[in-house]
Protein backbone atom coordinates (compact mmCIF):
# COMPACT_ATOMS: atom_id res chain seq x y z
CA UNK A 1 -86.40 2.99 -64.72
CA UNK A 2 -89.39 3.89 -62.59
CA UNK A 3 -89.05 6.68 -59.65
CA UNK A 4 -89.52 4.09 -56.94
CA UNK A 5 -86.75 1.54 -58.19
CA UNK A 6 -84.21 4.49 -57.94
CA UNK A 7 -85.31 5.65 -54.34
CA UNK A 8 -85.12 1.85 -53.49
CA UNK A 9 -81.76 1.43 -55.31
CA UNK A 10 -80.44 4.57 -53.12
CA UNK A 11 -81.67 3.19 -49.89
CA UNK A 12 -79.75 0.13 -51.03
CA UNK A 13 -76.37 2.36 -51.51
CA UNK A 14 -77.05 4.05 -47.84
CA UNK A 15 -77.58 0.75 -46.15
CA UNK A 16 -74.60 -0.70 -47.61
CA UNK A 17 -72.56 2.53 -46.85
CA UNK A 18 -73.85 2.30 -43.51
CA UNK A 19 -73.07 -1.03 -42.86
CA UNK A 20 -69.73 -0.41 -44.46
CA UNK A 21 -69.12 2.92 -42.02
CA UNK A 22 -70.47 0.68 -39.14
CA UNK A 23 -68.13 -2.33 -39.76
CA UNK A 24 -65.15 0.05 -40.14
CA UNK A 25 -66.05 1.86 -36.40
CA UNK A 26 -66.49 -1.43 -34.75
CA UNK A 27 -63.05 -2.58 -36.07
CA UNK A 28 -61.35 0.50 -35.08
CA UNK A 29 -63.68 0.11 -31.73
CA UNK A 30 -62.39 -3.63 -31.06
CA UNK A 31 -58.55 -2.46 -31.84
CA UNK A 32 -59.24 0.39 -29.59
CA UNK A 33 -60.63 -1.92 -26.97
CA UNK A 34 -57.95 -4.29 -27.65
CA UNK A 35 -55.01 -1.94 -27.67
CA UNK A 36 -56.41 -0.35 -24.15
CA UNK A 37 -57.58 -3.35 -22.69
CA UNK A 38 -54.48 -5.50 -23.26
CA UNK A 39 -51.73 -4.24 -25.41
CA UNK A 40 -52.18 -0.57 -23.08
CA UNK A 41 -50.14 -1.48 -20.04
CA UNK A 42 -47.50 -3.05 -22.12
CA UNK A 43 -47.16 -0.31 -24.58
CA UNK A 44 -47.53 2.52 -21.26
CA UNK A 45 -44.58 0.34 -19.66
CA UNK A 46 -42.44 0.30 -23.27
CA UNK A 47 -43.20 4.20 -23.73
CA UNK A 48 -41.91 4.74 -20.09
CA UNK A 49 -38.98 2.53 -20.46
CA UNK A 50 -38.01 4.12 -23.50
CA UNK A 51 -38.11 8.00 -21.44
CA UNK A 52 -36.91 6.52 -18.85
CA UNK A 53 -32.70 6.80 -18.08
CA UNK A 54 -30.75 5.63 -15.13
CA UNK A 55 -26.89 6.77 -13.73
CA UNK A 56 -24.85 5.23 -11.49
CA UNK A 57 -24.40 7.49 -8.28
CA UNK A 58 -20.46 6.10 -7.25
CA UNK A 59 -19.62 4.67 -3.68
CA UNK A 60 -17.06 6.77 -2.25
CA UNK A 61 -13.77 4.84 -1.76
CA UNK A 62 -13.38 4.37 1.98
CA UNK A 63 -10.47 6.05 3.18
CA UNK A 64 -6.99 4.99 4.44
CA UNK A 65 -5.44 6.18 7.98
CA UNK A 66 -2.21 6.52 9.72
CA UNK A 67 -2.55 5.20 13.57
CA UNK A 68 -3.74 8.52 14.75
CA UNK A 69 -6.69 8.60 12.30
CA UNK A 70 -4.94 11.20 10.27
CA UNK A 71 -5.59 10.59 6.78
CA UNK A 72 -3.52 8.74 4.26
CA UNK A 73 -5.49 8.31 1.31
CA UNK A 74 -9.04 9.65 0.48
CA UNK A 75 -11.73 10.01 -1.82
CA UNK A 76 -12.67 14.19 -2.94
CA UNK A 77 -15.71 15.19 -5.20
CA UNK A 78 -15.20 16.02 -8.91
CA UNK A 79 -17.91 16.81 -11.62
CA UNK A 80 -17.40 15.81 -15.27
CA UNK A 81 -19.10 18.54 -17.69
CA UNK A 82 -21.36 17.37 -20.67
CA UNK A 83 -23.42 18.93 -22.90
CA UNK A 84 -27.29 18.55 -24.73
CA UNK A 85 -26.49 19.85 -27.73
CA UNK A 86 -30.10 19.90 -28.23
CA UNK A 87 -30.44 22.32 -25.96
CA UNK A 88 -27.91 24.52 -25.72
CA UNK A 89 -29.22 26.44 -28.47
CA UNK A 90 -32.14 28.07 -26.78
CA UNK A 91 -29.22 29.81 -24.55
CA UNK A 92 -29.87 33.53 -24.63
CA UNK A 93 -27.35 36.60 -23.32
CA UNK A 94 -29.03 40.01 -22.84
CA UNK A 95 -27.60 43.20 -20.89
CA UNK A 96 -28.64 45.37 -18.43
CA UNK A 97 -31.78 46.60 -20.90
CA UNK A 98 -32.64 43.21 -21.64
CA UNK A 99 -31.50 43.58 -25.11
CA UNK A 100 -30.39 40.22 -26.50
CA UNK A 101 -26.36 40.20 -26.91
CA UNK A 102 -25.80 36.40 -27.60
CA UNK A 103 -27.28 33.41 -28.46
CA UNK A 104 -26.99 29.87 -29.19
CA UNK A 105 -23.26 27.91 -28.71
CA UNK A 106 -21.63 30.67 -29.52
CA UNK A 107 -22.63 32.29 -26.44
CA UNK A 108 -22.22 29.76 -24.59
CA UNK A 109 -18.81 28.95 -25.19
CA UNK A 110 -17.55 32.51 -25.16
CA UNK A 111 -18.97 32.22 -21.39
CA UNK A 112 -17.79 28.35 -20.84
CA UNK A 113 -14.05 29.15 -22.16
CA UNK A 114 -12.39 30.77 -19.46
CA UNK A 115 -14.11 28.73 -16.84
CA UNK A 116 -12.63 25.63 -18.51
CA UNK A 117 -9.39 26.76 -19.59
CA UNK A 118 -10.57 26.16 -23.30
CA UNK A 119 -9.93 27.77 -26.44
CA UNK A 120 -13.63 29.20 -27.35
CA UNK A 121 -13.88 28.45 -30.93
CA UNK A 122 -12.94 24.88 -30.32
CA UNK A 123 -15.50 24.63 -27.63
CA UNK A 124 -18.23 26.11 -29.49
CA UNK A 125 -17.83 23.11 -32.13
CA UNK A 126 -18.43 20.54 -29.54
CA UNK A 127 -21.84 22.51 -28.60
CA UNK A 128 -23.04 22.39 -31.74
CA UNK A 129 -25.01 18.92 -32.92
CA UNK A 130 -27.60 16.69 -32.15
CA UNK A 131 -26.19 14.47 -29.53
CA UNK A 132 -28.07 14.03 -25.76
CA UNK A 133 -24.71 14.05 -23.60
CA UNK A 134 -20.72 15.17 -25.07
CA UNK A 135 -18.18 15.45 -22.54
CA UNK A 136 -16.56 19.13 -22.12
CA UNK A 137 -14.64 18.47 -19.25
CA UNK A 138 -13.36 16.21 -16.82
CA UNK A 139 -12.66 16.43 -12.50
CA UNK A 140 -13.65 19.38 -12.18
CA UNK A 141 -13.90 20.89 -8.14
CA UNK A 142 -17.34 21.85 -6.54
CA UNK A 143 -16.10 25.19 -6.93
CA UNK A 144 -15.52 24.79 -10.57
CA UNK A 145 -18.75 23.46 -11.17
CA UNK A 146 -21.05 26.13 -9.41
CA UNK A 147 -19.27 28.95 -11.29
CA UNK A 148 -20.47 26.94 -14.37
CA UNK A 149 -23.76 26.24 -13.30
CA UNK A 150 -24.31 29.85 -12.23
CA UNK A 151 -24.26 30.88 -16.17
CA UNK A 152 -27.58 28.60 -16.30
CA UNK A 153 -26.48 27.85 -20.14
CA UNK A 154 -29.20 24.94 -21.00
CA UNK A 155 -27.83 21.42 -21.73
CA UNK A 156 -24.82 22.33 -19.47
CA UNK A 157 -25.30 18.91 -17.00
CA UNK A 158 -22.88 17.47 -14.28
CA UNK A 159 -21.34 14.28 -13.97
CA UNK A 160 -20.60 13.67 -9.88
CA UNK A 161 -17.43 11.44 -9.44
CA UNK A 162 -14.67 11.23 -6.98
CA UNK A 163 -10.81 11.31 -7.29
CA UNK A 164 -8.44 9.41 -5.27
CA UNK A 165 -6.05 12.07 -3.87
CA UNK A 166 -3.00 11.29 -1.00
CA UNK A 167 -2.04 14.49 0.82
CA UNK A 168 1.07 13.85 2.12
CA UNK A 169 2.45 13.38 -1.00
CA UNK A 170 5.06 10.13 -0.70
CA UNK A 171 4.52 9.70 2.70
CA UNK A 172 3.93 6.01 3.03
CA UNK A 173 3.50 5.83 -1.07
CA UNK A 174 5.12 2.32 -0.96
CA UNK A 175 2.60 0.96 2.11
CA UNK A 176 -0.85 2.85 0.17
CA UNK A 177 -0.28 2.07 -3.15
CA UNK A 178 -2.51 3.75 -5.62
CA UNK A 179 -5.69 3.33 -7.86
CA UNK A 180 -5.80 3.10 -11.70
CA UNK A 181 -8.22 5.82 -13.72
CA UNK A 182 -10.73 3.56 -13.10
CA UNK A 183 -10.55 3.67 -9.75
CA UNK A 184 -9.57 0.54 -8.84
CA UNK A 185 -6.73 -0.30 -7.04
CA UNK A 186 -3.39 -1.10 -8.01
CA UNK A 187 -0.89 -1.75 -5.71
CA UNK A 188 -0.20 -1.64 -2.13
CA UNK A 189 -3.10 -1.51 0.71
CA UNK A 190 -5.47 -0.01 -2.33
CA UNK A 191 -5.17 -3.83 -4.24
CA UNK A 192 -5.11 -5.85 -0.69
CA UNK A 193 -8.06 -3.67 0.35
CA UNK A 194 -9.91 -3.34 -2.82
CA UNK A 195 -13.08 -4.93 -2.23
CA UNK A 196 -13.48 -3.37 1.14
CA UNK A 197 -12.48 0.51 -0.08
CA UNK A 198 -14.46 0.31 -3.04
CA UNK A 199 -18.04 -0.45 -1.21
CA UNK A 200 -21.50 -0.60 -3.24
CA UNK A 201 -22.57 1.81 -5.93
CA UNK A 202 -26.25 3.11 -6.01
CA UNK A 203 -28.13 4.21 -8.80
CA UNK A 204 -30.79 7.09 -10.31
CA UNK A 205 -33.58 6.67 -12.07
CA UNK A 206 -35.10 9.84 -13.99
CA UNK A 207 -37.40 9.85 -17.39
CA UNK A 208 -36.04 12.52 -19.81
CA UNK A 209 -38.21 14.30 -22.56
CA UNK A 210 -37.49 14.49 -26.29
CA UNK A 211 -34.76 16.92 -25.97
CA UNK A 212 -32.98 15.20 -22.89
CA UNK A 213 -34.78 17.16 -19.91
CA UNK A 214 -35.65 15.68 -17.00
CA UNK A 215 -39.08 15.39 -16.53
CA UNK A 216 -39.71 17.21 -13.20
CA UNK A 217 -43.36 15.54 -12.38
CA UNK A 218 -41.66 12.25 -13.92
CA UNK A 219 -40.80 8.79 -12.32
CA UNK A 220 -37.33 9.56 -10.06
CA UNK A 221 -35.90 6.04 -8.41
CA UNK A 222 -32.76 6.43 -5.85
CA UNK A 223 -30.87 3.77 -4.36
CA UNK A 224 -27.89 5.54 -1.96
CA UNK A 225 -24.45 4.19 -2.62
CA UNK A 226 -22.79 2.34 0.48
CA UNK A 227 -19.73 3.87 0.94
CA UNK A 228 -16.24 1.55 1.13
CA UNK A 229 -14.89 1.00 4.64
CA UNK A 230 -12.62 2.88 5.94
CA UNK A 231 -8.96 1.03 6.41
CA UNK A 232 -6.63 1.39 9.56
CA UNK A 233 -2.92 1.30 9.21
CA UNK A 234 -0.43 0.76 11.79
CA UNK A 235 1.71 3.21 10.22
CA UNK A 236 2.76 6.06 12.17
CA UNK A 237 2.92 9.10 9.71
CA UNK A 238 5.20 11.34 11.20
CA UNK A 239 7.36 8.21 11.91
CA UNK A 240 7.13 7.33 8.16
CA UNK A 241 7.55 10.60 6.89
CA UNK A 242 10.96 10.90 8.80
CA UNK A 243 11.93 7.27 7.57
CA UNK A 244 11.76 7.74 4.99
CA UNK A 245 14.04 10.77 4.48
CA UNK A 246 16.37 9.24 6.83
CA UNK A 247 16.86 6.49 4.39
CA UNK A 248 16.89 8.82 1.42
CA UNK A 249 19.95 10.74 3.07
CA UNK A 250 21.77 7.30 3.67
CA UNK A 251 21.44 5.72 -0.04
CA UNK A 252 22.47 9.64 -1.31
CA UNK A 253 25.78 9.69 1.17
CA UNK A 254 26.91 6.60 0.47
CA UNK A 255 25.64 5.70 -3.55
CA UNK A 256 23.71 3.11 -3.00
CA UNK A 257 20.74 2.09 -5.20
CA UNK A 258 18.15 1.64 -2.54
CA UNK A 259 17.48 1.35 1.03
CA UNK A 260 14.89 0.68 3.38
CA UNK A 261 13.76 0.75 7.11
CA UNK A 262 11.23 -1.00 8.93
CA UNK A 263 10.36 -0.37 12.50
CA UNK A 264 7.94 -2.95 14.15
CA UNK A 265 6.34 -2.61 17.73
CA UNK A 266 7.67 -5.26 19.68
CA UNK A 267 5.10 -7.31 21.59
CA UNK A 268 2.16 -6.66 18.91
CA UNK A 269 3.50 -6.89 15.43
CA UNK A 270 2.17 -3.81 14.49
CA UNK A 271 4.61 -1.98 11.98
CA UNK A 272 5.02 1.46 12.86
CA UNK A 273 6.90 2.64 9.28
CA UNK A 274 8.08 0.77 6.65
CA UNK A 275 10.32 3.16 4.48
CA UNK A 276 11.47 2.86 1.09
CA UNK A 277 14.15 5.21 -0.64
CA UNK A 278 12.98 7.15 -3.90
CA UNK A 279 9.24 6.11 -2.51
CA UNK A 280 6.57 6.56 -4.98
CA UNK A 281 4.03 9.51 -4.64
CA UNK A 282 0.85 8.01 -5.37
CA UNK A 283 -0.68 10.91 -7.05
CA UNK A 284 1.83 10.89 -9.98
CA UNK A 285 2.92 6.88 -9.74
CA UNK A 286 3.44 6.75 -13.47
CA UNK A 287 6.39 9.15 -12.80
CA UNK A 288 7.91 6.63 -10.93
CA UNK A 289 9.79 3.09 -12.70
CA UNK A 290 7.60 0.02 -12.05
CA UNK A 291 9.63 -1.70 -9.94
CA UNK A 292 10.37 1.04 -7.69
CA UNK A 293 6.22 1.73 -6.89
CA UNK A 294 6.30 -1.29 -4.05
CA UNK A 295 8.41 -1.83 -1.45
CA UNK A 296 11.54 -3.21 -1.68
CA UNK A 297 11.37 -3.47 2.74
CA UNK A 298 8.93 -6.41 1.60
CA UNK A 299 9.67 -7.99 -1.72
CA UNK A 300 13.36 -7.68 -2.14
CA UNK A 301 15.32 -10.25 -0.08
CA UNK A 302 18.96 -10.07 -0.01
CA UNK A 303 22.25 -11.49 2.04
CA UNK A 304 21.46 -11.00 5.72
CA UNK A 305 25.69 -11.06 6.56
CA UNK A 306 26.15 -11.01 10.01
CA UNK A 307 22.83 -10.28 11.14
CA UNK A 308 22.27 -13.56 10.19
CA UNK A 309 24.71 -14.91 12.74
CA UNK A 310 21.98 -13.79 15.52
CA UNK A 311 20.19 -17.61 14.78
CA UNK A 312 22.92 -19.44 14.94
CA UNK A 313 24.23 -18.18 18.43
CA UNK A 314 20.73 -18.29 19.77
CA UNK A 315 20.49 -21.97 19.47
CA UNK A 316 23.68 -22.77 20.57
CA UNK A 317 22.45 -20.98 23.75
CA UNK A 318 18.65 -22.20 23.58
CA UNK A 319 20.41 -26.22 23.68
CA UNK A 320 22.92 -25.47 26.54
CA UNK A 321 26.19 -25.63 23.99
CA UNK A 322 27.64 -22.32 24.92
CA UNK A 323 26.84 -19.67 27.44
CA UNK A 324 28.10 -16.19 27.21
CA UNK A 325 31.27 -16.76 28.65
CA UNK A 326 32.14 -19.83 26.54
CA UNK A 327 35.52 -19.55 25.79
CA UNK A 328 37.29 -19.95 21.72
CA UNK A 329 40.18 -19.99 20.04
CA UNK A 330 39.39 -17.31 17.05
CA UNK A 331 42.03 -17.30 14.83
CA UNK A 332 42.00 -15.25 11.32
CA UNK A 333 41.90 -17.69 9.14
CA UNK A 334 40.17 -21.09 10.42
CA UNK A 335 39.75 -24.69 8.27
CA UNK A 336 37.29 -26.90 8.74
CA UNK A 337 37.95 -30.68 8.70
CA UNK A 338 35.72 -31.23 5.75
CA UNK A 339 38.19 -28.79 4.27
CA UNK A 340 36.64 -25.64 3.86
CA UNK A 341 38.14 -22.57 4.94
CA UNK A 342 36.80 -19.06 6.18
CA UNK A 343 38.17 -15.99 7.03
CA UNK A 344 37.35 -12.89 9.31
CA UNK A 345 36.79 -9.30 7.46
CA UNK A 346 39.67 -8.30 8.52
CA UNK A 347 43.25 -9.30 9.48
CA UNK A 348 43.64 -9.84 13.08
CA UNK A 349 46.20 -11.88 15.24
CA UNK A 350 44.33 -15.15 16.80
CA UNK A 351 42.61 -14.19 19.66
CA UNK A 352 40.83 -16.07 22.37
CA UNK A 353 37.33 -14.77 22.95
CA UNK A 354 34.30 -15.87 25.19
CA UNK A 355 31.00 -16.17 22.85
CA UNK A 356 30.47 -12.55 23.79
CA UNK A 357 33.43 -11.62 22.27
CA UNK A 358 32.98 -13.61 19.32
CA UNK A 359 29.14 -11.60 19.13
CA UNK A 360 30.49 -8.59 19.34
CA UNK A 361 33.69 -8.83 17.15
CA UNK A 362 31.35 -10.44 14.52
CA UNK A 363 34.08 -12.93 13.84
CA UNK A 364 32.89 -15.79 10.98
CA UNK A 365 35.27 -17.97 12.25
CA UNK A 366 34.73 -17.92 15.70
CA UNK A 367 30.86 -18.00 14.90
CA UNK A 368 31.57 -21.50 12.96
CA UNK A 369 32.66 -22.51 15.73
CA UNK A 370 29.94 -22.01 17.56
CA UNK A 371 27.49 -23.62 14.46
CA UNK A 372 28.96 -26.38 14.22
CA UNK A 373 28.03 -27.69 17.77
CA UNK A 374 24.83 -27.47 16.64
CA UNK A 375 22.28 -29.92 14.69
CA UNK A 376 22.37 -29.08 11.00
CA UNK A 377 17.76 -29.51 11.26
CA UNK A 378 17.81 -27.94 14.55
CA UNK A 379 19.50 -24.92 13.02
CA UNK A 380 17.15 -24.74 10.32
CA UNK A 381 14.49 -25.59 11.94
CA UNK A 382 15.30 -22.33 14.35
CA UNK A 383 15.67 -20.13 11.02
CA UNK A 384 12.14 -20.92 9.78
CA UNK A 385 10.77 -20.53 13.61
CA UNK A 386 12.23 -16.59 12.85
CA UNK A 387 10.10 -16.77 10.09
CA UNK A 388 13.27 -17.21 7.17
CA UNK A 389 12.09 -18.53 4.07
CA UNK A 390 8.44 -17.80 4.29
CA UNK A 391 5.90 -14.84 3.88
CA UNK A 392 5.36 -12.97 7.09
CA UNK A 393 1.79 -12.36 5.56
CA UNK A 394 1.74 -9.09 5.76
CA UNK A 395 -1.15 -6.83 4.48
CA UNK A 396 0.80 -5.33 0.90
CA UNK A 397 0.72 -7.49 -2.34
CA UNK A 398 4.19 -9.15 -3.80
CA UNK A 399 5.91 -10.23 -0.70
CA UNK A 400 9.21 -12.86 -0.98
CA UNK A 401 9.55 -15.33 1.30
CA UNK A 402 13.25 -15.37 0.92
CA UNK A 403 15.36 -18.82 0.37
CA UNK A 404 16.30 -20.65 3.77
CA UNK A 405 17.19 -24.14 1.90
CA UNK A 406 16.64 -27.36 3.68
CA UNK A 407 19.70 -29.10 4.94
CA UNK A 408 19.53 -32.09 3.13
CA UNK A 409 20.47 -29.39 -0.05
CA UNK A 410 23.55 -27.87 1.97
CA UNK A 411 26.88 -28.61 0.17
CA UNK A 412 30.07 -28.88 2.40
CA UNK A 413 30.32 -25.27 2.48
CA UNK A 414 26.77 -23.95 2.50
CA UNK A 415 26.81 -25.71 6.15
CA UNK A 416 28.92 -23.22 6.92
CA UNK A 417 28.25 -20.08 5.38
CA UNK A 418 24.28 -20.52 6.77
CA UNK A 419 25.94 -20.05 10.30
CA UNK A 420 27.35 -16.28 9.42
CA UNK A 421 24.20 -15.27 7.15
CA UNK A 422 25.41 -16.05 3.34
CA UNK A 423 23.61 -18.64 1.46
CA UNK A 424 20.34 -17.64 2.11
CA UNK A 425 18.28 -14.24 1.77
CA UNK A 426 15.67 -12.67 3.76
CA UNK A 427 13.94 -9.41 3.34
CA UNK A 428 14.22 -6.37 5.82
CA UNK A 429 10.97 -7.09 7.17
CA UNK A 430 11.84 -10.53 8.00
CA UNK A 431 15.18 -9.47 9.30
CA UNK A 432 13.47 -7.22 11.61
CA UNK A 433 10.73 -9.52 12.88
CA UNK A 434 13.90 -11.69 14.21
CA UNK A 435 15.34 -9.17 16.23
CA UNK A 436 11.50 -8.39 17.42
CA UNK A 437 11.12 -11.80 18.08
CA UNK A 438 14.49 -11.36 20.60
CA UNK A 439 13.09 -8.22 22.47
CA UNK A 440 9.87 -9.85 22.96
CA UNK A 441 11.40 -12.96 25.51
CA UNK A 442 11.73 -14.89 22.48
CA UNK A 443 7.85 -14.96 21.07
CA UNK A 444 7.47 -14.05 17.99
CA UNK A 445 4.20 -12.42 16.56
CA UNK A 446 3.55 -11.66 12.82
CA UNK A 447 4.40 -8.22 11.30
CA UNK A 448 0.94 -6.09 10.24
CA UNK A 449 0.61 -3.28 8.62
CA UNK A 450 -3.51 -2.81 8.92
CA UNK A 451 -5.42 -2.60 12.54
CA UNK A 452 -8.47 -3.11 11.19
CA UNK A 453 -11.57 -1.59 8.95
CA UNK A 454 -14.68 0.57 9.88
CA UNK A 455 -17.82 0.18 7.96
CA UNK A 456 -20.17 3.31 7.20
CA UNK A 457 -22.33 2.36 10.69
CA UNK A 458 -18.69 3.10 12.25
CA UNK A 459 -18.44 -0.64 13.06
CA UNK A 460 -15.05 -1.50 13.58
CA UNK A 461 -13.34 -4.97 12.19
CA UNK A 462 -10.40 -5.57 14.19
CA UNK A 463 -7.05 -7.65 12.28
CA UNK A 464 -6.81 -11.52 13.45
CA UNK A 465 -4.06 -11.35 14.56
CA UNK A 466 -2.40 -14.96 15.72
CA UNK A 467 -1.32 -15.55 18.95
CA UNK A 468 2.44 -15.37 19.41
CA UNK A 469 4.87 -18.31 19.07
CA UNK A 470 7.95 -19.14 21.37
CA UNK A 471 11.09 -19.53 19.55
CA UNK A 472 13.41 -19.56 22.31
CA UNK A 473 13.01 -19.42 26.15
CA UNK A 474 13.10 -15.31 27.32
CA UNK A 475 16.33 -16.63 29.42
CA UNK A 476 17.91 -17.26 26.32
CA UNK A 477 16.22 -13.85 24.82
CA UNK A 478 17.22 -12.21 27.74
CA UNK A 479 20.72 -12.99 27.15
CA UNK A 480 21.30 -12.53 23.23
CA UNK A 481 19.95 -8.96 24.20
CA UNK A 482 22.64 -8.50 26.92
CA UNK A 483 25.34 -10.07 24.74
CA UNK A 484 24.23 -7.65 21.43
CA UNK A 485 24.54 -4.83 23.56
CA UNK A 486 27.73 -5.28 23.47
CA UNK A 487 28.02 -4.50 19.57
CA UNK A 488 27.17 -0.61 20.11
CA UNK A 489 29.86 -0.13 22.57
CA UNK A 490 33.33 0.71 22.31
CA UNK A 491 34.66 -2.27 20.50
CA UNK A 492 31.63 -3.31 18.87
CA UNK A 493 30.91 -2.93 15.01
CA UNK A 494 28.29 -0.73 15.70
CA UNK A 495 28.63 1.57 17.96
CA UNK A 496 27.68 4.29 15.27
CA UNK A 497 24.41 3.30 15.96
CA UNK A 498 23.94 3.69 19.87
CA UNK A 499 21.14 6.09 20.78
CA UNK A 500 21.85 8.68 22.77
CA UNK A 501 19.82 7.64 26.50
CA UNK A 502 18.80 4.60 25.45
CA UNK A 503 20.80 0.81 25.99
CA UNK A 504 20.53 -0.29 22.50
CA UNK A 505 20.65 -4.66 21.65
CA UNK A 506 21.46 -4.54 18.12
CA UNK A 507 23.86 -6.39 14.98
CA UNK A 508 25.56 -5.41 12.26
CA UNK A 509 25.45 -6.88 9.03
CA UNK A 510 27.76 -6.78 5.62
CA UNK A 511 27.62 -8.57 2.36
CA UNK A 512 28.80 -8.53 -0.74
CA UNK A 513 27.39 -8.12 -4.59
CA UNK A 514 28.78 -8.56 -7.60
CA UNK A 515 29.23 -5.33 -9.73
CA UNK A 516 28.42 -4.71 -13.31
CA UNK A 517 31.73 -6.17 -13.93
CA UNK A 518 31.40 -9.07 -11.89
CA UNK A 519 33.49 -8.03 -9.01
CA UNK A 520 32.69 -7.62 -5.38
CA UNK A 521 33.00 -3.91 -5.16
CA UNK A 522 29.63 -3.20 -3.86
CA UNK A 523 28.21 -4.16 -0.53
CA UNK A 524 25.45 -4.32 1.51
CA UNK A 525 25.08 -3.03 4.94
CA UNK A 526 22.49 -3.50 7.18
CA UNK A 527 21.62 -3.30 10.92
CA UNK A 528 18.96 -4.15 13.15
CA UNK A 529 18.31 -3.80 16.88
CA UNK A 530 16.22 -3.12 19.41
CA UNK A 531 15.54 -0.16 22.78
CA UNK A 532 15.23 0.03 25.29
CA UNK A 533 17.52 -3.38 25.56
CA UNK A 534 16.21 -3.42 29.16
CA UNK A 535 12.38 -3.25 28.27
CA UNK A 536 12.40 -3.13 24.60
CA UNK A 537 9.38 -1.55 23.12
CA UNK A 538 10.53 -1.15 18.95
CA UNK A 539 12.56 -3.52 16.85
CA UNK A 540 14.01 -0.86 14.15
CA UNK A 541 16.05 -2.53 10.85
CA UNK A 542 18.14 -0.86 8.37
CA UNK A 543 19.63 -1.77 4.65
CA UNK A 544 21.61 0.08 2.27
CA UNK A 545 21.48 -1.86 -0.69
CA UNK A 546 24.74 -1.86 -3.28
CA UNK A 547 26.43 1.28 -1.42
CA UNK A 548 30.50 1.47 -3.07
CA UNK A 549 33.66 0.77 -1.39
CA UNK A 550 34.00 0.25 2.34
CA UNK A 551 30.01 0.30 2.83
CA UNK A 552 29.66 -1.69 6.27
CA UNK A 553 26.78 -1.91 8.22
CA UNK A 554 28.15 0.36 11.01
CA UNK A 555 28.56 2.77 8.73
CA UNK A 556 25.89 2.61 6.13
CA UNK A 557 22.79 1.42 8.14
CA UNK A 558 23.58 2.27 11.54
CA UNK A 559 23.34 6.04 11.43
CA UNK A 560 20.18 5.87 9.92
CA UNK A 561 19.48 3.04 12.67
CA UNK A 562 20.29 5.42 15.93
CA UNK A 563 18.15 8.51 13.91
CA UNK A 564 15.24 6.61 13.38
CA UNK A 565 14.91 4.82 16.72
CA UNK A 566 15.62 7.70 19.31
CA UNK A 567 12.78 9.13 16.71
CA UNK A 568 10.84 6.60 17.43
CA UNK A 569 11.28 6.48 20.81
CA UNK A 570 10.15 10.46 21.62
CA UNK A 571 7.48 9.52 19.92
CA UNK A 572 6.44 7.00 21.52
CA UNK A 573 7.20 9.05 24.80
CA UNK A 574 9.51 6.10 26.39
CA UNK A 575 11.83 7.20 29.11
CA UNK A 576 15.58 7.04 28.31
CA UNK A 577 17.16 4.38 30.39
CA UNK A 578 18.61 4.52 33.69
CA UNK A 579 19.97 1.18 34.59
CA UNK A 580 23.66 0.49 32.59
CA UNK A 581 23.85 -2.86 30.67
CA UNK A 582 25.33 -6.16 32.38
CA UNK A 583 28.68 -6.41 32.17
CA UNK A 584 29.91 -9.31 30.44
CA UNK A 585 33.57 -11.08 29.68
CA UNK A 586 34.11 -10.66 25.93
CA UNK A 587 38.05 -12.30 26.64
CA UNK A 588 38.58 -15.11 29.36
CA UNK A 589 40.51 -12.04 31.04
CA UNK A 590 37.63 -10.33 31.73
CA UNK A 591 36.42 -13.15 33.25
């Protein structure tokens, strides 16, 4: 082959190689242009997403306050501590001469263990690995976190959270309720107002590097959390504490299964105290049995006994069928025309008593005679108007409506037993509301335990309370209170409920309860009333359930009524009574 031919062939090969190189460069250039021009933004966004981490900023749960603004439930700042195991290996400990005396997970565990109360060997094992986050401890206080942060251990990271605390222990625990591990309300106001208290979580978005560290110059976006609303209750913390202590003592003294106290402000329906014996501590609610965590004053109906006589007297007065001076012949035992026989609690000779005397003596046979004058349907409708047989609507879960059956279902005996508080059931809240109605000139107000809520901007939203409804006339209510004052006077069934310095209008109640053997050795004692009788400010109800032996309302419940009512009147700054009670005849001879 000639030299020219060789040169030609070489030239062709060089041209072919150049074309091939140019083709490859053109392909790569095209791909580069495509990636940069078309896929670039998408890939960049994807890379950014891969580097981005978003965490929730928990909204502080709203506080629950008492009527004076004292904190009953609040949330405090807490820290969960975790470790980025990839970074902790960079930890170095030096001495005063700047000589390295410790490194990595072992040195970090040595420093952290005493602050966390952990075994350093066990802790050290958690610090070793390839995970970017492992929990080391939860629920640390800000002070504890500051001590840990001062160590400057790479990879030790905080997670802000909150803990629900109840600074007053058991005080109002039955009203407040409690929250679960996730901070969600499980009982009481914490459950009822969970949505309002919870607020709205925020978020924090940051860019992180390959080892999990936050890139200081990277993208950062924070959406602040909106705190939950503050709930303002009607509860007087000091009165609530006193009422709980008083009912605990009564239950212990008389061997009761449980007891409760309700204090209602007359004219408003505001519940100033709602106390149960053995009240749950929301800080440690798991230590209480489930049935003991709520409020029996709201959830547990009982036969009202003789306190249930008050509506019978009220309807008879309202309809003009009796006056306080109407005379009745009251035997120990009475058989009605339909053959049903009724007895008074204690044997006695046949007496001649006025309507007032029947109430003071709490005579079943006298009450049956009064109730027999009234149409059954009218009496039933008055019971319902007082709130018996239906929920009050108080802002607590699990409220019972009690039981008041329609008169069409009454048998021959139930027709009469409902006249003196048997054959039906009420809650203490309902019974206290009934006497509060009498103390409010016959106008019933819906009981409530929340005044309103306040949002993060301080705007207060009051609780909507329905207008009161007249149950009986002011004249009937006034007459009932005058008659009820004789109950706490000498000769009445409840002198132990008298409050020194104040006039009291009240009624005792006792009901027999089945014992374990099926007998009636156990009793329920109750006491409801208002004070001062001449210008009522508070209604107070007390019940002691399943007290042993002769646990009458005048002995087991009246002393607690006296103590709690006296405390409430002092708390409210109510001046002592200055006028004596009206004089009403108990027998015809006194008329």
